[in-house]
Protein backbone atom coordinates (compact mmCIF):
# COMPACT_ATOMS: atom_id res chain seq x y z
CA MET A 1 95.23 85.44 135.39
CA TRP A 2 92.32 86.42 137.66
CA LYS A 3 89.05 84.07 137.45
CA VAL A 4 85.54 85.53 137.52
CA GLU A 5 82.48 83.18 138.03
CA SER A 6 78.75 83.90 136.96
CA ASP A 7 75.51 81.63 136.41
CA ARG A 8 74.36 84.07 133.68
CA GLY A 9 77.15 85.92 131.80
CA PHE A 10 79.58 88.98 131.98
CA TYR A 11 79.93 92.53 131.27
CA VAL A 12 83.24 93.83 130.18
CA GLY A 13 84.06 97.41 130.02
CA ASP A 14 84.34 100.25 132.66
CA ILE A 15 82.85 99.01 135.76
CA CYS A 16 81.74 102.41 136.84
CA TYR A 17 79.01 102.36 134.33
CA VAL A 18 77.37 99.08 135.79
CA LEU A 19 78.23 98.79 139.41
CA GLU A 20 76.22 100.11 142.35
CA ASP A 21 77.72 102.93 144.41
CA ASP A 22 77.92 100.21 147.53
CA VAL A 23 80.11 97.94 145.44
CA TYR A 24 82.11 100.42 143.22
CA HIS A 25 83.04 102.57 146.24
CA GLY A 26 82.33 100.14 149.17
CA VAL A 27 84.06 97.06 147.92
CA TRP A 28 86.62 98.24 145.15
CA GLY A 29 87.06 101.85 147.00
CA ALA A 30 87.88 100.13 150.35
CA SER A 31 91.10 98.93 148.45
CA HIS A 32 92.12 102.26 147.21
CA TYR A 33 90.71 101.19 143.69
CA GLU A 34 93.57 99.08 142.91
CA ASP A 35 94.06 96.56 140.12
CA GLY A 36 92.85 93.14 141.11
CA VAL A 37 89.99 90.63 141.67
CA TRP A 38 87.29 91.86 144.46
CA ARG A 39 84.49 90.02 146.03
CA ASP A 40 81.06 91.55 147.15
CA PRO A 41 80.43 90.43 150.49
CA LYS A 42 76.55 90.64 150.10
CA THR A 43 76.35 88.45 146.98
CA GLY A 44 79.40 86.47 146.97
CA TYR A 45 80.41 87.48 143.15
CA SER A 46 83.65 88.60 142.32
CA PHE A 47 84.75 91.08 139.82
CA ALA A 48 88.07 92.00 138.12
CA VAL A 49 89.46 95.51 136.96
CA ALA A 50 92.68 97.05 135.94
CA GLY A 51 93.82 100.44 134.68
CA THR A 52 94.00 101.26 131.03
CA ALA A 53 97.39 102.39 129.55
CA TYR A 54 96.36 105.82 128.98
CA GLY A 55 93.47 106.28 131.32
CA ASP A 56 89.98 107.69 130.08
CA GLY A 57 88.96 107.54 126.66
CA THR A 58 87.46 104.81 123.89
CA TYR A 59 89.15 101.67 123.20
CA TYR A 60 88.41 98.87 120.90
CA ASP A 61 88.76 95.30 120.76
CA GLY A 62 90.03 93.19 117.83
CA GLU A 63 86.43 92.81 116.45
CA GLY A 64 85.70 96.58 116.63
CA HIS A 65 83.70 96.81 119.60
CA GLU A 66 83.90 99.94 121.49
CA TYR A 67 84.34 100.45 125.03
CA GLY A 68 83.83 103.91 126.58
CA VAL A 69 86.17 104.49 129.87
CA ASP A 70 85.42 107.41 132.09
CA ALA A 71 87.01 105.73 135.24
CA GLY A 72 90.30 104.81 133.49
CA VAL A 73 89.63 101.10 133.84
CA ILE A 74 88.49 97.99 132.24
CA GLY A 75 86.93 95.19 134.14
CA ILE A 76 84.86 92.14 133.98
CA VAL A 77 81.72 91.86 135.91
CA PRO A 78 79.37 89.03 136.41
CA LEU A 79 75.87 90.07 135.31
CA GLU A 80 74.70 89.30 138.94
CA LEU A 81 76.49 92.25 140.11
CA VAL A 82 75.37 94.67 137.44
CA GLY A 83 73.11 97.40 139.21
CA LYS A 84 72.95 99.95 136.42
CA GLN A 85 71.37 98.28 133.58
CA ASP A 86 71.65 101.31 131.18
CA GLY A 87 75.62 101.13 131.66
CA LEU A 88 75.56 97.98 129.64
CA ALA A 89 75.72 100.03 126.51
CA ASN A 90 79.28 101.22 127.45
CA GLY A 91 80.96 97.92 127.04
CA ARG A 92 80.08 94.40 125.97
CA VAL A 93 77.98 91.60 127.36
CA VAL A 94 78.90 87.85 127.02
CA MET A 95 76.34 85.24 127.90
CA GLY A 96 77.28 82.12 129.52
CA ALA A 97 77.40 80.27 132.86
CA GLY A 98 80.89 79.50 134.29
CA CYS A 99 84.39 80.85 135.01
CA ALA A 100 86.07 83.54 132.65
CA GLY A 101 89.64 84.52 132.91
CA PHE A 102 90.77 88.05 132.91
CA ASP A 103 94.66 89.20 132.44
CA ALA A 104 95.77 92.55 131.89
CA LYS A 105 99.32 93.73 131.44
CA GLY A 106 100.73 96.76 130.08
CA GLY A 107 97.15 97.88 129.06
CA VAL A 108 96.55 95.02 127.03
CA PHE A 109 93.36 92.95 128.25
CA ASP A 110 92.99 89.41 127.42
CA ILE A 111 89.44 88.03 128.48
CA GLY A 112 88.37 84.25 128.06
CA PHE A 113 84.75 83.19 128.38
CA PRO A 114 83.23 79.85 129.11
CA ASN A 115 81.34 79.80 126.00
CA GLY A 116 84.74 79.66 124.00
CA GLU A 117 84.73 83.49 123.21
CA TYR A 118 87.91 85.52 123.52
CA ILE A 119 88.43 89.12 123.78
CA VAL A 120 91.45 91.35 123.53
CA ILE A 121 91.39 94.99 124.26
CA ASP A 122 94.83 96.96 123.75
CA THR A 123 94.77 100.22 125.13
CA SER A 124 98.52 100.40 124.97
CA GLU A 125 98.41 102.08 121.43
CA GLU A 126 98.65 106.10 122.15
CA GLU A 127 96.50 107.88 119.71
CA SER A 128 98.95 109.41 117.38
CA ASP A 129 98.44 112.88 116.14
CA ASP A 130 98.90 113.44 112.44
CA TRP A 131 102.45 114.79 112.50
CA ASP A 132 103.68 112.17 114.75
CA ASP A 133 104.52 109.84 111.67
CA CYS A 134 105.40 112.55 109.20
CA ASP A 135 109.19 113.28 108.04
CA ASP A 136 110.26 116.69 109.53
CA GLU A 137 112.71 116.70 106.41
CA MET A 138 109.74 116.80 103.98
CA GLY A 139 108.53 120.07 105.67
CA TYR A 140 105.40 119.00 107.34
CA ASP A 141 103.83 121.70 109.51
CA PRO A 142 101.82 120.12 112.27
CA TYR A 143 99.91 123.70 112.86
CA LEU A 144 98.97 123.81 109.20
CA GLY A 145 98.26 120.08 109.10
CA CYS A 146 100.25 120.08 105.55
CA TYR A 147 103.36 119.85 103.93
CA THR A 148 104.87 123.42 103.69
CA ASP A 149 105.33 122.82 99.96
CA ASP A 150 101.63 122.47 99.74
CA VAL A 151 100.91 125.74 100.85
């Protein structure tokens, strides 16, 4: 589990929406955009990031909060490193100073905060098409979107 500290709180979501380019490309990009925890040398604050199971898309936590993803990753960023305030709407902000834990395995993100909140974002569940769960023997036609007996 990776640890990230803040004196104010945390942003959870795709880090491309909130990090300034010098941190996004200069710090994370210098490490070839790999999963891990990275430290901004200017501020001393660190952020953690990991890839989702299926790249870009919209994902939800267990409480139904939405996370838009355009860079194929979800991370945790201390509010001190947030340079793009308008990007906060693409994820979730949790207030509270202290150390947060960030764990990502197999597209499942487990994030615990010093205020006791806990977020789980499961990106491993592939979006299913209507026909994936249908019984072929029943005559389901995925192109028509119905059972052939219904036509």
